[in-house]
Amino acid sequence: MTSALLIIDVQTILCEGRWAVHEAGAVVQRINAVSARARAAGLPVVVVQHEETEGPMLYDAPGWQLAPALQVSRSEEHTSELQ
């Protein structure tokens, strides 16, 4: 069985401002810790970003961007989920 870590929808709009999830900063810190362990173990890390055809989650909009505190590597797989 192959394992991987999926990081899903950790985007600016959900981590800052009025739509921020509860304790967003702490959640991102935990995701960073888990993803660091996954990378150290040689597991693939895949980043998924939610995307919509209009509004704050529009591709490349400020809210669509990954949360600034999220630690990702350019070499990791990135994909989007269009709603």
PDB file of N, CA and C in Angstrom:
ATOM      1  N   MET A   1       0.836  -1.174   0.000  1.00  0.00           N
ATOM      2  CA  MET A   1       0.000   0.000   0.000  1.00  0.00           C
ATOM      3  C   MET A   1       0.884   1.242   0.000  1.00  0.00           C
ATOM      4  N   THR A   2       0.544   2.215  -0.853  1.00  0.00           N
ATOM      5  CA  THR A   2       1.285   3.465  -0.918  1.00  0.00           C
ATOM      6  C   THR A   2       0.581   4.508  -0.065  1.00  0.00           C
ATOM      7  N   SER A   3       1.352   5.270   0.669  1.00  0.00           N
ATOM      8  CA  SER A   3       0.799   6.332   1.509  1.00  0.00           C
ATOM      9  C   SER A   3       1.216   7.689   0.975  1.00  0.00           C
ATOM     10  N   ALA A   4       0.414   8.684   1.253  1.00  0.00           N
ATOM     11  CA  ALA A   4       0.715  10.075   0.902  1.00  0.00           C
ATOM     12  C   ALA A   4      -0.014  10.975   1.890  1.00  0.00           C
ATOM     13  N   LEU A   5       0.458  12.197   1.998  1.00  0.00           N
ATOM     14  CA  LEU A   5      -0.220  13.192   2.824  1.00  0.00           C
ATOM     15  C   LEU A   5      -0.939  14.157   1.901  1.00  0.00           C
ATOM     16  N   LEU A   6      -2.244  14.327   2.105  1.00  0.00           N
ATOM     17  CA  LEU A   6      -3.030  15.302   1.358  1.00  0.00           C
ATOM     18  C   LEU A   6      -3.276  16.516   2.245  1.00  0.00           C
ATOM     19  N   ILE A   7      -2.950  17.678   1.733  1.00  0.00           N
ATOM     20  CA  ILE A   7      -3.229  18.944   2.413  1.00  0.00           C
ATOM     21  C   ILE A   7      -4.314  19.621   1.585  1.00  0.00           C
ATOM     22  N   ILE A   8      -5.503  19.748   2.151  1.00  0.00           N
ATOM     23  CA  ILE A   8      -6.658  20.178   1.375  1.00  0.00           C
ATOM     24  C   ILE A   8      -7.230  21.499   1.894  1.00  0.00           C
ATOM     25  N   ASP A   9      -7.363  22.466   0.986  1.00  0.00           N
ATOM     26  CA  ASP A   9      -8.056  23.741   1.234  1.00  0.00           C
ATOM     27  C   ASP A   9      -7.451  24.584   2.353  1.00  0.00           C
ATOM     28  N   VAL A  10      -6.150  24.585   2.484  1.00  0.00           N
ATOM     29  CA  VAL A  10      -5.499  25.441   3.488  1.00  0.00           C
ATOM     30  C   VAL A  10      -5.122  26.744   2.779  1.00  0.00           C
ATOM     31  N   GLN A  11      -6.155  27.543   2.559  1.00  0.00           N
ATOM     32  CA  GLN A  11      -6.019  28.753   1.760  1.00  0.00           C
ATOM     33  C   GLN A  11      -6.283  29.998   2.591  1.00  0.00           C
ATOM     34  N   THR A  12      -5.799  31.119   2.102  1.00  0.00           N
ATOM     35  CA  THR A  12      -5.864  32.372   2.839  1.00  0.00           C
ATOM     36  C   THR A  12      -7.263  32.688   3.327  1.00  0.00           C
ATOM     37  N   ILE A  13      -8.266  32.567   2.481  1.00  0.00           N
ATOM     38  CA  ILE A  13      -9.636  32.942   2.854  1.00  0.00           C
ATOM     39  C   ILE A  13     -10.167  32.123   4.030  1.00  0.00           C
ATOM     40  N   LEU A  14      -9.654  30.913   4.200  1.00  0.00           N
ATOM     41  CA  LEU A  14     -10.115  30.044   5.281  1.00  0.00           C
ATOM     42  C   LEU A  14      -9.234  30.136   6.526  1.00  0.00           C
ATOM     43  N   CYS A  15      -8.168  30.931   6.432  1.00  0.00           N
ATOM     44  CA  CYS A  15      -7.238  31.047   7.564  1.00  0.00           C
ATOM     45  C   CYS A  15      -7.130  32.467   8.106  1.00  0.00           C
ATOM     46  N   GLU A  16      -7.733  33.428   7.425  1.00  0.00           N
ATOM     47  CA  GLU A  16      -7.669  34.823   7.858  1.00  0.00           C
ATOM     48  C   GLU A  16      -9.017  35.494   7.635  1.00  0.00           C
ATOM     49  N   GLY A  17      -9.356  36.427   8.480  1.00  0.00           N
ATOM     50  CA  GLY A  17     -10.569  37.210   8.275  1.00  0.00           C
ATOM     51  C   GLY A  17     -11.839  36.506   8.722  1.00  0.00           C
ATOM     52  N   ARG A  18     -12.961  36.954   8.187  1.00  0.00           N
ATOM     53  CA  ARG A  18     -14.264  36.504   8.689  1.00  0.00           C
ATOM     54  C   ARG A  18     -14.586  35.052   8.385  1.00  0.00           C
ATOM     55  N   TRP A  19     -13.944  34.429   7.399  1.00  0.00           N
ATOM     56  CA  TRP A  19     -14.213  33.022   7.079  1.00  0.00           C
ATOM     57  C   TRP A  19     -13.165  32.079   7.666  1.00  0.00           C
ATOM     58  N   ALA A  20     -12.309  32.611   8.517  1.00  0.00           N
ATOM     59  CA  ALA A  20     -11.248  31.781   9.099  1.00  0.00           C
ATOM     60  C   ALA A  20     -11.830  30.681   9.985  1.00  0.00           C
ATOM     61  N   VAL A  21     -11.259  29.515   9.870  1.00  0.00           N
ATOM     62  CA  VAL A  21     -11.685  28.405  10.722  1.00  0.00           C
ATOM     63  C   VAL A  21     -11.195  28.654  12.148  1.00  0.00           C
ATOM     64  N   HIS A  22     -11.805  27.981  13.089  1.00  0.00           N
ATOM     65  CA  HIS A  22     -11.434  28.108  14.499  1.00  0.00           C
ATOM     66  C   HIS A  22      -9.966  27.721  14.679  1.00  0.00           C
ATOM     67  N   GLU A  23      -9.206  28.581  15.335  1.00  0.00           N
ATOM     68  CA  GLU A  23      -7.795  28.345  15.642  1.00  0.00           C
ATOM     69  C   GLU A  23      -6.977  28.024  14.389  1.00  0.00           C
ATOM     70  N   ALA A  24      -7.198  28.791  13.332  1.00  0.00           N
ATOM     71  CA  ALA A  24      -6.530  28.546  12.052  1.00  0.00           C
ATOM     72  C   ALA A  24      -5.003  28.495  12.194  1.00  0.00           C
ATOM     73  N   GLY A  25      -4.437  29.392  12.969  1.00  0.00           N
ATOM     74  CA  GLY A  25      -2.984  29.413  13.136  1.00  0.00           C
ATOM     75  C   GLY A  25      -2.452  28.118  13.728  1.00  0.00           C
ATOM     76  N   ALA A  26      -3.138  27.607  14.735  1.00  0.00           N
ATOM     77  CA  ALA A  26      -2.726  26.353  15.371  1.00  0.00           C
ATOM     78  C   ALA A  26      -2.906  25.176  14.418  1.00  0.00           C
ATOM     79  N   VAL A  27      -3.981  25.220  13.633  1.00  0.00           N
ATOM     80  CA  VAL A  27      -4.212  24.148  12.653  1.00  0.00           C
ATOM     81  C   VAL A  27      -3.080  24.115  11.629  1.00  0.00           C
ATOM     82  N   VAL A  28      -2.710  25.276  11.113  1.00  0.00           N
ATOM     83  CA  VAL A  28      -1.624  25.338  10.126  1.00  0.00           C
ATOM     84  C   VAL A  28      -0.310  24.864  10.743  1.00  0.00           C
ATOM     85  N   GLN A  29      -0.049  25.218  11.986  1.00  0.00           N
ATOM     86  CA  GLN A  29       1.166  24.739  12.658  1.00  0.00           C
ATOM     87  C   GLN A  29       1.189  23.217  12.740  1.00  0.00           C
ATOM     88  N   ARG A  30       0.044  22.615  13.063  1.00  0.00           N
ATOM     89  CA  ARG A  30      -0.021  21.144  13.140  1.00  0.00           C
ATOM     90  C   ARG A  30       0.164  20.520  11.752  1.00  0.00           C
ATOM     91  N   ILE A  31      -0.430  21.123  10.737  1.00  0.00           N
ATOM     92  CA  ILE A  31      -0.244  20.627   9.374  1.00  0.00           C
ATOM     93  C   ILE A  31       1.226  20.722   8.982  1.00  0.00           C
ATOM     94  N   ASN A  32       1.884  21.812   9.318  1.00  0.00           N
ATOM     95  CA  ASN A  32       3.315  21.968   9.018  1.00  0.00           C
ATOM     96  C   ASN A  32       4.145  20.890   9.707  1.00  0.00           C
ATOM     97  N   ALA A  33       3.817  20.582  10.950  1.00  0.00           N
ATOM     98  CA  ALA A  33       4.565  19.556  11.688  1.00  0.00           C
ATOM     99  C   ALA A  33       4.368  18.176  11.058  1.00  0.00           C
ATOM    100  N   VAL A  34       3.129  17.852  10.717  1.00  0.00           N
ATOM    101  CA  VAL A  34       2.846  16.547  10.104  1.00  0.00           C
ATOM    102  C   VAL A  34       3.486  16.450   8.724  1.00  0.00           C
ATOM    103  N   SER A  35       3.405  17.523   7.946  1.00  0.00           N
ATOM    104  CA  SER A  35       3.982  17.475   6.599  1.00  0.00           C
ATOM    105  C   SER A  35       5.503  17.385   6.648  1.00  0.00           C
ATOM    106  N   ALA A  36       6.132  18.003   7.635  1.00  0.00           N
ATOM    107  CA  ALA A  36       7.588  17.877   7.788  1.00  0.00           C
ATOM    108  C   ALA A  36       7.972  16.423   8.075  1.00  0.00           C
ATOM    109  N   ARG A  37       7.194  15.768   8.921  1.00  0.00           N
ATOM    110  CA  ARG A  37       7.460  14.347   9.209  1.00  0.00           C
ATOM    111  C   ARG A  37       7.230  13.480   7.971  1.00  0.00           C
ATOM    112  N   ALA A  38       6.203  13.791   7.206  1.00  0.00           N
ATOM    113  CA  ALA A  38       5.925  13.031   5.982  1.00  0.00           C
ATOM    114  C   ALA A  38       7.071  13.179   4.988  1.00  0.00           C
ATOM    115  N   ARG A  39       7.538  14.405   4.793  1.00  0.00           N
ATOM    116  CA  ARG A  39       8.662  14.637   3.872  1.00  0.00           C
ATOM    117  C   ARG A  39       9.907  13.895   4.345  1.00  0.00           C
ATOM    118  N   ALA A  40      10.174  13.953   5.646  1.00  0.00           N
ATOM    119  CA  ALA A  40      11.354  13.284   6.203  1.00  0.00           C
ATOM    120  C   ALA A  40      11.276  11.771   6.006  1.00  0.00           C
ATOM    121  N   ALA A  41      10.068  11.236   5.988  1.00  0.00           N
ATOM    122  CA  ALA A  41       9.865   9.797   5.786  1.00  0.00           C
ATOM    123  C   ALA A  41       9.826   9.431   4.302  1.00  0.00           C
ATOM    124  N   GLY A  42       9.946  10.435   3.432  1.00  0.00           N
ATOM    125  CA  GLY A  42       9.941  10.173   2.004  1.00  0.00           C
ATOM    126  C   GLY A  42       8.558   9.996   1.393  1.00  0.00           C
ATOM    127  N   LEU A  43       7.523  10.394   2.129  1.00  0.00           N
ATOM    128  CA  LEU A  43       6.162  10.271   1.609  1.00  0.00           C
ATOM    129  C   LEU A  43       5.829  11.443   0.693  1.00  0.00           C
ATOM    130  N   PRO A  44       5.040  11.203  -0.353  1.00  0.00           N
ATOM    131  CA  PRO A  44       4.603  12.314  -1.184  1.00  0.00           C
ATOM    132  C   PRO A  44       3.629  13.208  -0.425  1.00  0.00           C
ATOM    133  N   VAL A  45       3.729  14.497  -0.675  1.00  0.00           N
ATOM    134  CA  VAL A  45       2.808  15.474  -0.102  1.00  0.00           C
ATOM    135  C   VAL A  45       2.078  16.132  -1.275  1.00  0.00           C
ATOM    136  N   VAL A  46       0.748  16.090  -1.239  1.00  0.00           N
ATOM    137  CA  VAL A  46      -0.069  16.654  -2.315  1.00  0.00           C
ATOM    138  C   VAL A  46      -0.914  17.785  -1.733  1.00  0.00           C
ATOM    139  N   VAL A  47      -0.870  18.937  -2.382  1.00  0.00           N
ATOM    140  CA  VAL A  47      -1.603  20.114  -1.934  1.00  0.00           C
ATOM    141  C   VAL A  47      -2.782  20.338  -2.876  1.00  0.00           C
ATOM    142  N   VAL A  48      -3.995  20.401  -2.302  1.00  0.00           N
ATOM    143  CA  VAL A  48      -5.214  20.603  -3.085  1.00  0.00           C
ATOM    144  C   VAL A  48      -5.812  21.951  -2.703  1.00  0.00           C
ATOM    145  N   GLN A  49      -6.095  22.773  -3.698  1.00  0.00           N
ATOM    146  CA  GLN A  49      -6.708  24.074  -3.455  1.00  0.00           C
ATOM    147  C   GLN A  49      -8.116  24.108  -4.033  1.00  0.00           C
ATOM    148  N   HIS A  50      -9.066  24.556  -3.207  1.00  0.00           N
ATOM    149  CA  HIS A  50     -10.447  24.736  -3.640  1.00  0.00           C
ATOM    150  C   HIS A  50     -10.485  25.909  -4.612  1.00  0.00           C
ATOM    151  N   GLU A  51     -11.294  25.774  -5.646  1.00  0.00           N
ATOM    152  CA  GLU A  51     -11.402  26.836  -6.648  1.00  0.00           C
ATOM    153  C   GLU A  51     -12.858  26.978  -7.068  1.00  0.00           C
ATOM    154  N   GLU A  52     -13.281  28.214  -7.264  1.00  0.00           N
ATOM    155  CA  GLU A  52     -14.636  28.485  -7.739  1.00  0.00           C
ATOM    156  C   GLU A  52     -14.564  29.351  -8.991  1.00  0.00           C
ATOM    157  N   THR A  53     -15.668  29.446  -9.707  1.00  0.00           N
ATOM    158  CA  THR A  53     -15.688  30.218 -10.954  1.00  0.00           C
ATOM    159  C   THR A  53     -15.925  31.700 -10.729  1.00  0.00           C
ATOM    160  N   GLU A  54     -16.257  32.081  -9.500  1.00  0.00           N
ATOM    161  CA  GLU A  54     -16.418  33.493  -9.140  1.00  0.00           C
ATOM    162  C   GLU A  54     -16.268  33.643  -7.635  1.00  0.00           C
ATOM    163  N   GLY A  55     -16.081  34.860  -7.174  1.00  0.00           N
ATOM    164  CA  GLY A  55     -15.982  35.125  -5.741  1.00  0.00           C
ATOM    165  C   GLY A  55     -14.567  35.035  -5.211  1.00  0.00           C
ATOM    166  N   PRO A  56     -14.431  34.990  -3.885  1.00  0.00           N
ATOM    167  CA  PRO A  56     -13.110  35.055  -3.251  1.00  0.00           C
ATOM    168  C   PRO A  56     -12.238  33.819  -3.464  1.00  0.00           C
ATOM    169  N   MET A  57     -12.830  32.730  -3.961  1.00  0.00           N
ATOM    170  CA  MET A  57     -12.046  31.512  -4.211  1.00  0.00           C
ATOM    171  C   MET A  57     -11.762  31.333  -5.703  1.00  0.00           C
ATOM    172  N   LEU A  58     -11.884  32.401  -6.476  1.00  0.00           N
ATOM    173  CA  LEU A  58     -11.564  32.390  -7.894  1.00  0.00           C
ATOM    174  C   LEU A  58     -10.068  32.142  -8.056  1.00  0.00           C
ATOM    175  N   TYR A  59      -9.703  31.347  -9.037  1.00  0.00           N
ATOM    176  CA  TYR A  59      -8.292  31.023  -9.269  1.00  0.00           C
ATOM    177  C   TYR A  59      -7.438  32.287  -9.240  1.00  0.00           C
ATOM    178  N   ASP A  60      -6.388  32.250  -8.480  1.00  0.00           N
ATOM    179  CA  ASP A  60      -5.372  33.303  -8.360  1.00  0.00           C
ATOM    180  C   ASP A  60      -5.838  34.536  -7.573  1.00  0.00           C
ATOM    181  N   ALA A  61      -7.071  34.541  -7.059  1.00  0.00           N
ATOM    182  CA  ALA A  61      -7.522  35.644  -6.207  1.00  0.00           C
ATOM    183  C   ALA A  61      -6.764  35.586  -4.883  1.00  0.00           C
ATOM    184  N   PRO A  62      -6.696  36.701  -4.156  1.00  0.00           N
ATOM    185  CA  PRO A  62      -5.976  36.688  -2.876  1.00  0.00           C
ATOM    186  C   PRO A  62      -6.452  35.587  -1.917  1.00  0.00           C
ATOM    187  N   GLY A  63      -7.753  35.371  -1.810  1.00  0.00           N
ATOM    188  CA  GLY A  63      -8.270  34.347  -0.906  1.00  0.00           C
ATOM    189  C   GLY A  63      -7.969  32.930  -1.358  1.00  0.00           C
ATOM    190  N   TRP A  64      -7.765  32.740  -2.657  1.00  0.00           N
ATOM    191  CA  TRP A  64      -7.471  31.421  -3.227  1.00  0.00           C
ATOM    192  C   TRP A  64      -6.052  30.962  -2.891  1.00  0.00           C
ATOM    193  N   GLN A  65      -5.156  31.895  -2.650  1.00  0.00           N
ATOM    194  CA  GLN A  65      -3.744  31.574  -2.389  1.00  0.00           C
ATOM    195  C   GLN A  65      -3.614  30.692  -1.147  1.00  0.00           C
ATOM    196  N   LEU A  66      -2.560  29.904  -1.120  1.00  0.00           N
ATOM    197  CA  LEU A  66      -2.297  29.097   0.077  1.00  0.00           C
ATOM    198  C   LEU A  66      -2.060  30.015   1.269  1.00  0.00           C
ATOM    199  N   ALA A  67      -2.428  29.552   2.444  1.00  0.00           N
ATOM    200  CA  ALA A  67      -2.214  30.338   3.660  1.00  0.00           C
ATOM    201  C   ALA A  67      -0.730  30.690   3.770  1.00  0.00           C
ATOM    202  N   PRO A  68      -0.412  31.935   4.072  1.00  0.00           N
ATOM    203  CA  PRO A  68       0.990  32.362   4.117  1.00  0.00           C
ATOM    204  C   PRO A  68       1.867  31.521   5.054  1.00  0.00           C
ATOM    205  N   ALA A  69       1.309  31.032   6.154  1.00  0.00           N
ATOM    206  CA  ALA A  69       2.105  30.272   7.123  1.00  0.00           C
ATOM    207  C   ALA A  69       2.269  28.793   6.737  1.00  0.00           C
ATOM    208  N   LEU A  70       1.552  28.354   5.702  1.00  0.00           N
ATOM    209  CA  LEU A  70       1.656  26.947   5.292  1.00  0.00           C
ATOM    210  C   LEU A  70       2.994  26.706   4.609  1.00  0.00           C
ATOM    211  N   GLN A  71       3.699  25.712   5.089  1.00  0.00           N
ATOM    212  CA  GLN A  71       5.019  25.393   4.526  1.00  0.00           C
ATOM    213  C   GLN A  71       4.878  24.315   3.457  1.00  0.00           C
ATOM    214  N   VAL A  72       5.096  24.721   2.200  1.00  0.00           N
ATOM    215  CA  VAL A  72       5.027  23.793   1.076  1.00  0.00           C
ATOM    216  C   VAL A  72       6.266  23.950   0.219  1.00  0.00           C
ATOM    217  N   SER A  73       6.521  22.939  -0.569  1.00  0.00           N
ATOM    218  CA  SER A  73       7.656  22.946  -1.476  1.00  0.00           C
ATOM    219  C   SER A  73       7.149  23.046  -2.906  1.00  0.00           C
ATOM    220  N   ARG A  74       7.845  23.769  -3.733  1.00  0.00           N
ATOM    221  CA  ARG A  74       7.454  23.884  -5.144  1.00  0.00           C
ATOM    222  C   ARG A  74       7.507  22.531  -5.848  1.00  0.00           C
ATOM    223  N   SER A  75       8.286  21.609  -5.309  1.00  0.00           N
ATOM    224  CA  SER A  75       8.416  20.298  -5.943  1.00  0.00           C
ATOM    225  C   SER A  75       7.235  19.379  -5.629  1.00  0.00           C
ATOM    226  N   GLU A  76       6.398  19.787  -4.674  1.00  0.00           N
ATOM    227  CA  GLU A  76       5.251  18.960  -4.307  1.00  0.00           C
ATOM    228  C   GLU A  76       4.129  19.125  -5.329  1.00  0.00           C
ATOM    229  N   GLU A  77       3.351  18.087  -5.460  1.00  0.00           N
ATOM    230  CA  GLU A  77       2.219  18.112  -6.385  1.00  0.00           C
ATOM    231  C   GLU A  77       1.159  19.075  -5.886  1.00  0.00           C
ATOM    232  N   HIS A  78       0.695  19.948  -6.783  1.00  0.00           N
ATOM    233  CA  HIS A  78      -0.386  20.886  -6.480  1.00  0.00           C
ATOM    234  C   HIS A  78      -1.514  20.631  -7.473  1.00  0.00           C
ATOM    235  N   THR A  79      -2.735  20.651  -6.977  1.00  0.00           N
ATOM    236  CA  THR A  79      -3.895  20.474  -7.842  1.00  0.00           C
ATOM    237  C   THR A  79      -5.039  21.296  -7.280  1.00  0.00           C
ATOM    238  N   SER A  80      -6.077  21.474  -8.086  1.00  0.00           N
ATOM    239  CA  SER A  80      -7.226  22.239  -7.585  1.00  0.00           C
ATOM    240  C   SER A  80      -8.491  21.419  -7.755  1.00  0.00           C
ATOM    241  N   GLU A  81      -9.478  21.765  -6.938  1.00  0.00           N
ATOM    242  CA  GLU A  81     -10.800  21.156  -7.032  1.00  0.00           C
ATOM    243  C   GLU A  81     -11.762  22.266  -7.407  1.00  0.00           C
ATOM    244  N   LEU A  82     -12.309  22.197  -8.605  1.00  0.00           N
ATOM    245  CA  LEU A  82     -13.217  23.225  -9.081  1.00  0.00           C
ATOM    246  C   LEU A  82     -14.631  22.937  -8.607  1.00  0.00           C
ATOM    247  N   GLN A  83     -15.232  23.911  -7.971  1.00  0.00           N
ATOM    248  CA  GLN A  83     -16.587  23.766  -7.445  1.00  0.00           C
ATOM    249  C   GLN A  83     -17.568  24.363  -8.406  1.00  0.00           C
TER     250      GLN A  83
END
